[in-house]
Amino acid sequence: MALTFPNRSRSYDDERQRVRFLGHDGMFEVPFFIEVDAFSKPSSSPSAEAEYLKAFDASLSSIHDVAREAYSHARKNIYVLTSDDFR
């Protein structure tokens, strides 16, 4: 089956400076993380979480495309996307 993203939920991990989201391959959940510097400049403002989630949402289509590409190369337990994946 193809990787899909039917659930639009995402969460921010402040400690690791990344956003978590899920893909699905049939009935299997595929966890993804994307480092914030891949889609936004680092921020130290108190509203950094909201800024990162907004930037994530604005780039959702390209993030999903990159996630599909990473998933197509190898099956892993989790995927961490970095700025290098978007070049």
PDB file of N, CA and C in Angstrom:
ATOM      1  N   MET A   1       0.831  -1.186   0.000  1.00  0.00           N
ATOM      2  CA  MET A   1       0.000   0.000   0.000  1.00  0.00           C
ATOM      3  C   MET A   1       0.874   1.249   0.000  1.00  0.00           C
ATOM      4  N   ALA A   2       0.271   2.323  -0.343  1.00  0.00           N
ATOM      5  CA  ALA A   2       0.981   3.601  -0.370  1.00  0.00           C
ATOM      6  C   ALA A   2       0.875   4.290   0.995  1.00  0.00           C
ATOM      7  N   LEU A   3       1.846   5.093   1.295  1.00  0.00           N
ATOM      8  CA  LEU A   3       1.849   5.864   2.528  1.00  0.00           C
ATOM      9  C   LEU A   3       0.854   7.009   2.396  1.00  0.00           C
ATOM     10  N   THR A   4      -0.037   7.129   3.386  1.00  0.00           N
ATOM     11  CA  THR A   4      -1.023   8.209   3.393  1.00  0.00           C
ATOM     12  C   THR A   4      -0.944   8.954   4.719  1.00  0.00           C
ATOM     13  N   PHE A   5      -1.588  10.102   4.749  1.00  0.00           N
ATOM     14  CA  PHE A   5      -1.599  10.941   5.954  1.00  0.00           C
ATOM     15  C   PHE A   5      -3.037  11.364   6.263  1.00  0.00           C
ATOM     16  N   PRO A   6      -3.879  10.395   6.664  1.00  0.00           N
ATOM     17  CA  PRO A   6      -5.292  10.718   6.904  1.00  0.00           C
ATOM     18  C   PRO A   6      -5.535  11.512   8.181  1.00  0.00           C
ATOM     19  N   ASN A   7      -4.615  11.453   9.118  1.00  0.00           N
ATOM     20  CA  ASN A   7      -4.759  12.140  10.398  1.00  0.00           C
ATOM     21  C   ASN A   7      -3.896  13.398  10.378  1.00  0.00           C
ATOM     22  N   ARG A   8      -4.513  14.546  10.462  1.00  0.00           N
ATOM     23  CA  ARG A   8      -3.760  15.803  10.361  1.00  0.00           C
ATOM     24  C   ARG A   8      -3.155  16.247  11.689  1.00  0.00           C
ATOM     25  N   SER A   9      -3.269  15.433  12.716  1.00  0.00           N
ATOM     26  CA  SER A   9      -2.719  15.837  14.010  1.00  0.00           C
ATOM     27  C   SER A   9      -1.194  15.866  13.954  1.00  0.00           C
ATOM     28  N   ARG A  10      -0.632  16.737  14.758  1.00  0.00           N
ATOM     29  CA  ARG A  10       0.818  16.874  14.884  1.00  0.00           C
ATOM     30  C   ARG A  10       1.085  17.454  16.242  1.00  0.00           C
ATOM     31  N   SER A  11       2.276  17.262  16.754  1.00  0.00           N
ATOM     32  CA  SER A  11       2.631  17.807  18.059  1.00  0.00           C
ATOM     33  C   SER A  11       4.079  18.265  18.026  1.00  0.00           C
ATOM     34  N   TYR A  12       4.382  19.184  18.899  1.00  0.00           N
ATOM     35  CA  TYR A  12       5.720  19.760  18.962  1.00  0.00           C
ATOM     36  C   TYR A  12       6.476  19.195  20.149  1.00  0.00           C
ATOM     37  N   ASP A  13       7.703  18.767  19.918  1.00  0.00           N
ATOM     38  CA  ASP A  13       8.601  18.257  20.961  1.00  0.00           C
ATOM     39  C   ASP A  13       9.634  19.348  21.227  1.00  0.00           C
ATOM     40  N   ASP A  14       9.431  20.093  22.293  1.00  0.00           N
ATOM     41  CA  ASP A  14      10.293  21.228  22.612  1.00  0.00           C
ATOM     42  C   ASP A  14      11.718  20.785  22.931  1.00  0.00           C
ATOM     43  N   GLU A  15      11.860  19.675  23.626  1.00  0.00           N
ATOM     44  CA  GLU A  15      13.185  19.197  24.014  1.00  0.00           C
ATOM     45  C   GLU A  15      14.057  18.877  22.807  1.00  0.00           C
ATOM     46  N   ARG A  16      13.467  18.246  21.808  1.00  0.00           N
ATOM     47  CA  ARG A  16      14.231  17.837  20.621  1.00  0.00           C
ATOM     48  C   ARG A  16      14.070  18.793  19.445  1.00  0.00           C
ATOM     49  N   GLN A  17      13.259  19.833  19.615  1.00  0.00           N
ATOM     50  CA  GLN A  17      13.061  20.842  18.569  1.00  0.00           C
ATOM     51  C   GLN A  17      12.588  20.205  17.260  1.00  0.00           C
ATOM     52  N   ARG A  18      11.475  19.460  17.355  1.00  0.00           N
ATOM     53  CA  ARG A  18      10.930  18.828  16.161  1.00  0.00           C
ATOM     54  C   ARG A  18       9.429  18.624  16.307  1.00  0.00           C
ATOM     55  N   VAL A  19       8.794  18.420  15.167  1.00  0.00           N
ATOM     56  CA  VAL A  19       7.353  18.193  15.121  1.00  0.00           C
ATOM     57  C   VAL A  19       7.120  16.724  14.780  1.00  0.00           C
ATOM     58  N   ARG A  20       6.200  16.124  15.489  1.00  0.00           N
ATOM     59  CA  ARG A  20       5.840  14.720  15.275  1.00  0.00           C
ATOM     60  C   ARG A  20       4.537  14.667  14.485  1.00  0.00           C
ATOM     61  N   PHE A  21       4.485  13.760  13.499  1.00  0.00           N
ATOM     62  CA  PHE A  21       3.246  13.508  12.765  1.00  0.00           C
ATOM     63  C   PHE A  21       3.234  12.055  12.337  1.00  0.00           C
ATOM     64  N   LEU A  22       2.085  11.565  11.943  1.00  0.00           N
ATOM     65  CA  LEU A  22       1.939  10.160  11.613  1.00  0.00           C
ATOM     66  C   LEU A  22       1.513   9.953  10.169  1.00  0.00           C
ATOM     67  N   GLY A  23       2.078   8.915   9.581  1.00  0.00           N
ATOM     68  CA  GLY A  23       1.624   8.423   8.297  1.00  0.00           C
ATOM     69  C   GLY A  23       1.010   7.052   8.524  1.00  0.00           C
ATOM     70  N   HIS A  24       0.335   6.553   7.513  1.00  0.00           N
ATOM     71  CA  HIS A  24      -0.250   5.211   7.596  1.00  0.00           C
ATOM     72  C   HIS A  24       0.044   4.456   6.306  1.00  0.00           C
ATOM     73  N   ASP A  25       0.442   3.218   6.484  1.00  0.00           N
ATOM     74  CA  ASP A  25       0.623   2.293   5.368  1.00  0.00           C
ATOM     75  C   ASP A  25      -0.339   1.143   5.652  1.00  0.00           C
ATOM     76  N   GLY A  26      -1.509   1.214   5.043  1.00  0.00           N
ATOM     77  CA  GLY A  26      -2.556   0.264   5.377  1.00  0.00           C
ATOM     78  C   GLY A  26      -2.968   0.482   6.815  1.00  0.00           C
ATOM     79  N   MET A  27      -2.902  -0.565   7.613  1.00  0.00           N
ATOM     80  CA  MET A  27      -3.295  -0.446   9.014  1.00  0.00           C
ATOM     81  C   MET A  27      -2.126  -0.091   9.943  1.00  0.00           C
ATOM     82  N   PHE A  28      -0.935   0.067   9.380  1.00  0.00           N
ATOM     83  CA  PHE A  28       0.253   0.350  10.186  1.00  0.00           C
ATOM     84  C   PHE A  28       0.501   1.853  10.305  1.00  0.00           C
ATOM     85  N   GLU A  29       0.731   2.305  11.550  1.00  0.00           N
ATOM     86  CA  GLU A  29       1.122   3.689  11.788  1.00  0.00           C
ATOM     87  C   GLU A  29       2.617   3.829  11.542  1.00  0.00           C
ATOM     88  N   VAL A  30       2.994   4.916  10.907  1.00  0.00           N
ATOM     89  CA  VAL A  30       4.399   5.190  10.610  1.00  0.00           C
ATOM     90  C   VAL A  30       4.734   6.548  11.232  1.00  0.00           C
ATOM     91  N   PRO A  31       5.491   6.573  12.342  1.00  0.00           N
ATOM     92  CA  PRO A  31       5.808   7.847  12.991  1.00  0.00           C
ATOM     93  C   PRO A  31       6.924   8.605  12.267  1.00  0.00           C
ATOM     94  N   PHE A  32       6.695   9.892  12.123  1.00  0.00           N
ATOM     95  CA  PHE A  32       7.662  10.797  11.520  1.00  0.00           C
ATOM     96  C   PHE A  32       7.935  11.947  12.475  1.00  0.00           C
ATOM     97  N   PHE A  33       9.160  12.440  12.422  1.00  0.00           N
ATOM     98  CA  PHE A  33       9.549  13.663  13.100  1.00  0.00           C
ATOM     99  C   PHE A  33      10.229  14.536  12.060  1.00  0.00           C
ATOM    100  N   ILE A  34      10.031  15.824  12.172  1.00  0.00           N
ATOM    101  CA  ILE A  34      10.745  16.751  11.305  1.00  0.00           C
ATOM    102  C   ILE A  34      11.380  17.813  12.187  1.00  0.00           C
ATOM    103  N   GLU A  35      12.683  17.975  12.029  1.00  0.00           N
ATOM    104  CA  GLU A  35      13.399  18.993  12.803  1.00  0.00           C
ATOM    105  C   GLU A  35      12.926  20.367  12.346  1.00  0.00           C
ATOM    106  N   VAL A  36      12.727  21.271  13.298  1.00  0.00           N
ATOM    107  CA  VAL A  36      12.131  22.561  12.970  1.00  0.00           C
ATOM    108  C   VAL A  36      12.972  23.385  12.001  1.00  0.00           C
ATOM    109  N   ASP A  37      14.277  23.198  12.001  1.00  0.00           N
ATOM    110  CA  ASP A  37      15.097  23.989  11.074  1.00  0.00           C
ATOM    111  C   ASP A  37      14.900  23.562   9.620  1.00  0.00           C
ATOM    112  N   ALA A  38      14.162  22.478   9.401  1.00  0.00           N
ATOM    113  CA  ALA A  38      13.877  22.053   8.029  1.00  0.00           C
ATOM    114  C   ALA A  38      12.776  22.898   7.394  1.00  0.00           C
ATOM    115  N   PHE A  39      11.946  23.547   8.208  1.00  0.00           N
ATOM    116  CA  PHE A  39      10.849  24.330   7.641  1.00  0.00           C
ATOM    117  C   PHE A  39      10.664  25.696   8.290  1.00  0.00           C
ATOM    118  N   SER A  40      11.468  26.025   9.282  1.00  0.00           N
ATOM    119  CA  SER A  40      11.326  27.297   9.963  1.00  0.00           C
ATOM    120  C   SER A  40      12.648  27.663  10.629  1.00  0.00           C
ATOM    121  N   LYS A  41      12.837  28.947  10.867  1.00  0.00           N
ATOM    122  CA  LYS A  41      14.032  29.379  11.588  1.00  0.00           C
ATOM    123  C   LYS A  41      13.825  29.142  13.077  1.00  0.00           C
ATOM    124  N   PRO A  42      14.876  28.733  13.784  1.00  0.00           N
ATOM    125  CA  PRO A  42      14.745  28.539  15.230  1.00  0.00           C
ATOM    126  C   PRO A  42      14.252  29.803  15.916  1.00  0.00           C
ATOM    127  N   SER A  43      13.440  29.612  16.926  1.00  0.00           N
ATOM    128  CA  SER A  43      12.849  30.731  17.653  1.00  0.00           C
ATOM    129  C   SER A  43      12.980  30.485  19.141  1.00  0.00           C
ATOM    130  N   SER A  44      13.179  31.544  19.875  1.00  0.00           N
ATOM    131  CA  SER A  44      13.227  31.417  21.331  1.00  0.00           C
ATOM    132  C   SER A  44      12.049  32.135  21.970  1.00  0.00           C
ATOM    133  N   SER A  45      11.088  32.538  21.174  1.00  0.00           N
ATOM    134  CA  SER A  45       9.946  33.255  21.715  1.00  0.00           C
ATOM    135  C   SER A  45       9.046  32.306  22.500  1.00  0.00           C
ATOM    136  N   PRO A  46       8.267  32.854  23.417  1.00  0.00           N
ATOM    137  CA  PRO A  46       7.363  32.009  24.205  1.00  0.00           C
ATOM    138  C   PRO A  46       6.320  31.295  23.341  1.00  0.00           C
ATOM    139  N   SER A  47       6.059  31.820  22.159  1.00  0.00           N
ATOM    140  CA  SER A  47       5.062  31.210  21.276  1.00  0.00           C
ATOM    141  C   SER A  47       5.719  30.361  20.183  1.00  0.00           C
ATOM    142  N   ALA A  48       6.926  29.877  20.449  1.00  0.00           N
ATOM    143  CA  ALA A  48       7.658  29.096  19.444  1.00  0.00           C
ATOM    144  C   ALA A  48       6.858  27.886  18.984  1.00  0.00           C
ATOM    145  N   GLU A  49       6.199  27.196  19.898  1.00  0.00           N
ATOM    146  CA  GLU A  49       5.419  26.018  19.514  1.00  0.00           C
ATOM    147  C   GLU A  49       4.352  26.384  18.487  1.00  0.00           C
ATOM    148  N   ALA A  50       3.618  27.428  18.742  1.00  0.00           N
ATOM    149  CA  ALA A  50       2.572  27.854  17.810  1.00  0.00           C
ATOM    150  C   ALA A  50       3.170  28.260  16.464  1.00  0.00           C
ATOM    151  N   GLU A  51       4.312  28.941  16.488  1.00  0.00           N
ATOM    152  CA  GLU A  51       4.985  29.344  15.249  1.00  0.00           C
ATOM    153  C   GLU A  51       5.414  28.121  14.441  1.00  0.00           C
ATOM    154  N   TYR A  52       5.991  27.132  15.105  1.00  0.00           N
ATOM    155  CA  TYR A  52       6.457  25.930  14.412  1.00  0.00           C
ATOM    156  C   TYR A  52       5.296  25.136  13.840  1.00  0.00           C
ATOM    157  N   LEU A  53       4.225  25.003  14.591  1.00  0.00           N
ATOM    158  CA  LEU A  53       3.073  24.252  14.083  1.00  0.00           C
ATOM    159  C   LEU A  53       2.425  24.979  12.906  1.00  0.00           C
ATOM    160  N   LYS A  54       2.405  26.292  12.960  1.00  0.00           N
ATOM    161  CA  LYS A  54       1.868  27.077  11.842  1.00  0.00           C
ATOM    162  C   LYS A  54       2.752  26.912  10.604  1.00  0.00           C
ATOM    163  N   ALA A  55       4.066  26.967  10.785  1.00  0.00           N
ATOM    164  CA  ALA A  55       4.999  26.776   9.662  1.00  0.00           C
ATOM    165  C   ALA A  55       4.881  25.349   9.114  1.00  0.00           C
ATOM    166  N   PHE A  56       4.716  24.372   9.991  1.00  0.00           N
ATOM    167  CA  PHE A  56       4.521  22.993   9.566  1.00  0.00           C
ATOM    168  C   PHE A  56       3.269  22.889   8.700  1.00  0.00           C
ATOM    169  N   ASP A  57       2.175  23.452   9.172  1.00  0.00           N
ATOM    170  CA  ASP A  57       0.915  23.402   8.425  1.00  0.00           C
ATOM    171  C   ASP A  57       1.040  24.073   7.060  1.00  0.00           C
ATOM    172  N   ALA A  58       1.783  25.176   6.999  1.00  0.00           N
ATOM    173  CA  ALA A  58       1.951  25.901   5.741  1.00  0.00           C
ATOM    174  C   ALA A  58       2.761  25.106   4.722  1.00  0.00           C
ATOM    175  N   SER A  59       3.606  24.199   5.204  1.00  0.00           N
ATOM    176  CA  SER A  59       4.471  23.397   4.326  1.00  0.00           C
ATOM    177  C   SER A  59       4.028  21.940   4.243  1.00  0.00           C
ATOM    178  N   LEU A  60       2.816  21.670   4.654  1.00  0.00           N
ATOM    179  CA  LEU A  60       2.356  20.294   4.810  1.00  0.00           C
ATOM    180  C   LEU A  60       2.502  19.450   3.546  1.00  0.00           C
ATOM    181  N   SER A  61       2.144  19.976   2.421  1.00  0.00           N
ATOM    182  CA  SER A  61       2.208  19.203   1.177  1.00  0.00           C
ATOM    183  C   SER A  61       3.634  18.766   0.858  1.00  0.00           C
ATOM    184  N   SER A  62       4.586  19.685   0.945  1.00  0.00           N
ATOM    185  CA  SER A  62       5.974  19.325   0.636  1.00  0.00           C
ATOM    186  C   SER A  62       6.554  18.410   1.718  1.00  0.00           C
ATOM    187  N   ILE A  63       6.146  18.582   2.966  1.00  0.00           N
ATOM    188  CA  ILE A  63       6.606  17.703   4.041  1.00  0.00           C
ATOM    189  C   ILE A  63       6.119  16.285   3.784  1.00  0.00           C
ATOM    190  N   HIS A  64       4.866  16.144   3.407  1.00  0.00           N
ATOM    191  CA  HIS A  64       4.330  14.815   3.098  1.00  0.00           C
ATOM    192  C   HIS A  64       5.042  14.197   1.901  1.00  0.00           C
ATOM    193  N   ASP A  65       5.363  14.996   0.895  1.00  0.00           N
ATOM    194  CA  ASP A  65       6.094  14.483  -0.272  1.00  0.00           C
ATOM    195  C   ASP A  65       7.461  13.941   0.142  1.00  0.00           C
ATOM    196  N   VAL A  66       8.171  14.688   0.975  1.00  0.00           N
ATOM    197  CA  VAL A  66       9.492  14.257   1.438  1.00  0.00           C
ATOM    198  C   VAL A  66       9.365  13.017   2.322  1.00  0.00           C
ATOM    199  N   ALA A  67       8.339  12.970   3.148  1.00  0.00           N
ATOM    200  CA  ALA A  67       8.117  11.803   3.999  1.00  0.00           C
ATOM    201  C   ALA A  67       7.852  10.558   3.144  1.00  0.00           C
ATOM    202  N   ARG A  68       7.047  10.703   2.105  1.00  0.00           N
ATOM    203  CA  ARG A  68       6.792   9.569   1.203  1.00  0.00           C
ATOM    204  C   ARG A  68       8.084   9.101   0.535  1.00  0.00           C
ATOM    205  N   GLU A  69       8.903  10.033   0.135  1.00  0.00           N
ATOM    206  CA  GLU A  69      10.179   9.693  -0.509  1.00  0.00           C
ATOM    207  C   GLU A  69      11.085   8.940   0.477  1.00  0.00           C
ATOM    208  N   ALA A  70      11.191   9.430   1.698  1.00  0.00           N
ATOM    209  CA  ALA A  70      12.020   8.754   2.706  1.00  0.00           C
ATOM    210  C   ALA A  70      11.487   7.355   2.989  1.00  0.00           C
ATOM    211  N   TYR A  71      10.190   7.228   3.066  1.00  0.00           N
ATOM    212  CA  TYR A  71       9.572   5.928   3.352  1.00  0.00           C
ATOM    213  C   TYR A  71       9.784   4.947   2.208  1.00  0.00           C
ATOM    214  N   SER A  72       9.842   5.442   0.999  1.00  0.00           N
ATOM    215  CA  SER A  72       9.994   4.562  -0.164  1.00  0.00           C
ATOM    216  C   SER A  72      11.383   3.933  -0.244  1.00  0.00           C
ATOM    217  N   HIS A  73      12.372   4.538   0.412  1.00  0.00           N
ATOM    218  CA  HIS A  73      13.747   4.037   0.344  1.00  0.00           C
ATOM    219  C   HIS A  73      14.042   2.930   1.339  1.00  0.00           C
ATOM    220  N   ALA A  74      13.384   2.963   2.494  1.00  0.00           N
ATOM    221  CA  ALA A  74      13.664   1.958   3.526  1.00  0.00           C
ATOM    222  C   ALA A  74      12.540   1.958   4.538  1.00  0.00           C
ATOM    223  N   ARG A  75      12.262   0.803   5.092  1.00  0.00           N
ATOM    224  CA  ARG A  75      11.259   0.687   6.152  1.00  0.00           C
ATOM    225  C   ARG A  75      11.977   0.762   7.497  1.00  0.00           C
ATOM    226  N   LYS A  76      11.575   1.747   8.300  1.00  0.00           N
ATOM    227  CA  LYS A  76      12.180   1.964   9.614  1.00  0.00           C
ATOM    228  C   LYS A  76      11.080   2.037  10.666  1.00  0.00           C
ATOM    229  N   ASN A  77      11.493   2.014  11.925  1.00  0.00           N
ATOM    230  CA  ASN A  77      10.527   2.165  13.017  1.00  0.00           C
ATOM    231  C   ASN A  77      10.052   3.603  13.153  1.00  0.00           C
ATOM    232  N   ILE A  78      10.965   4.555  12.942  1.00  0.00           N
ATOM    233  CA  ILE A  78      10.627   5.982  12.926  1.00  0.00           C
ATOM    234  C   ILE A  78      11.471   6.654  11.856  1.00  0.00           C
ATOM    235  N   TYR A  79      11.001   7.797  11.412  1.00  0.00           N
ATOM    236  CA  TYR A  79      11.719   8.597  10.423  1.00  0.00           C
ATOM    237  C   TYR A  79      11.920   9.984  10.995  1.00  0.00           C
ATOM    238  N   VAL A  80      13.143  10.490  10.893  1.00  0.00           N
ATOM    239  CA  VAL A  80      13.438  11.865  11.308  1.00  0.00           C
ATOM    240  C   VAL A  80      13.890  12.610  10.067  1.00  0.00           C
ATOM    241  N   LEU A  81      13.074  13.578   9.664  1.00  0.00           N
ATOM    242  CA  LEU A  81      13.385  14.390   8.491  1.00  0.00           C
ATOM    243  C   LEU A  81      14.184  15.615   8.927  1.00  0.00           C
ATOM    244  N   THR A  82      15.212  15.929   8.152  1.00  0.00           N
ATOM    245  CA  THR A  82      16.057  17.086   8.454  1.00  0.00           C
ATOM    246  C   THR A  82      16.065  18.021   7.251  1.00  0.00           C
ATOM    247  N   SER A  83      16.726  19.132   7.388  1.00  0.00           N
ATOM    248  CA  SER A  83      16.806  20.082   6.273  1.00  0.00           C
ATOM    249  C   SER A  83      17.469  19.450   5.060  1.00  0.00           C
ATOM    250  N   ASP A  84      18.373  18.497   5.259  1.00  0.00           N
ATOM    251  CA  ASP A  84      19.021  17.815   4.135  1.00  0.00           C
ATOM    252  C   ASP A  84      18.019  17.047   3.268  1.00  0.00           C
ATOM    253  N   ASP A  85      16.939  16.592   3.854  1.00  0.00           N
ATOM    254  CA  ASP A  85      15.920  15.861   3.095  1.00  0.00           C
ATOM    255  C   ASP A  85      15.135  16.761   2.151  1.00  0.00           C
ATOM    256  N   PHE A  86      15.215  18.056   2.339  1.00  0.00           N
ATOM    257  CA  PHE A  86      14.444  19.006   1.540  1.00  0.00           C
ATOM    258  C   PHE A  86      15.272  19.686   0.460  1.00  0.00           C
ATOM    259  N   ARG A  87      16.464  19.196   0.210  1.00  0.00           N
ATOM    260  CA  ARG A  87      17.336  19.779  -0.817  1.00  0.00           C
ATOM    261  C   ARG A  87      17.175  19.061  -2.102  1.00  0.00           C
TER     262      ARG A  87
END
